[in-house]
């Protein structure tokens, strides 16, 4: 080590004495090897560095954003195109899109129409997104999930 601290294999008493002389802590780095690996370091600084590394790793992980698009079973062509354009922009940003048809009251009779609408939606966006979950009925909702295509 660069601070005038001895390096090598020492008995525990000698290692503790070296740490006390340096005004630092003796920290066990790896307990699984024989003999265990220890370092003479400032323990609070060591904990701070570990927390900072964990925070950086957490920030670098990709966060999956899911946007929702809602249809009715009798959605008109203009509204369909409008919502498809929104979904297209979401997919280009890298977000997933959950499209669903919400059935209220007696419209539950038009399940096939809702499924056709979702399949048409997927077909319109097949260039930019892939279907991750085919249309499934969940209570009064028929849901389908699209994910962005990798470039």
Foldseek 3Di string as FASTA:
>chain_A
DPPPQDDDDDDPVVVCVSLVVVVFDWAFDAVPDVPTDIDNHHVVVVVVVVVVVVVVVVVPDDDAAEAEAEAELPDDPVVLVVSLVVCLVCLVVFHKYKYKYFYDDPSLVSVVSRLVSVVVSCVVCVVFWDWPARFDDDPRMTITMIGGDDD
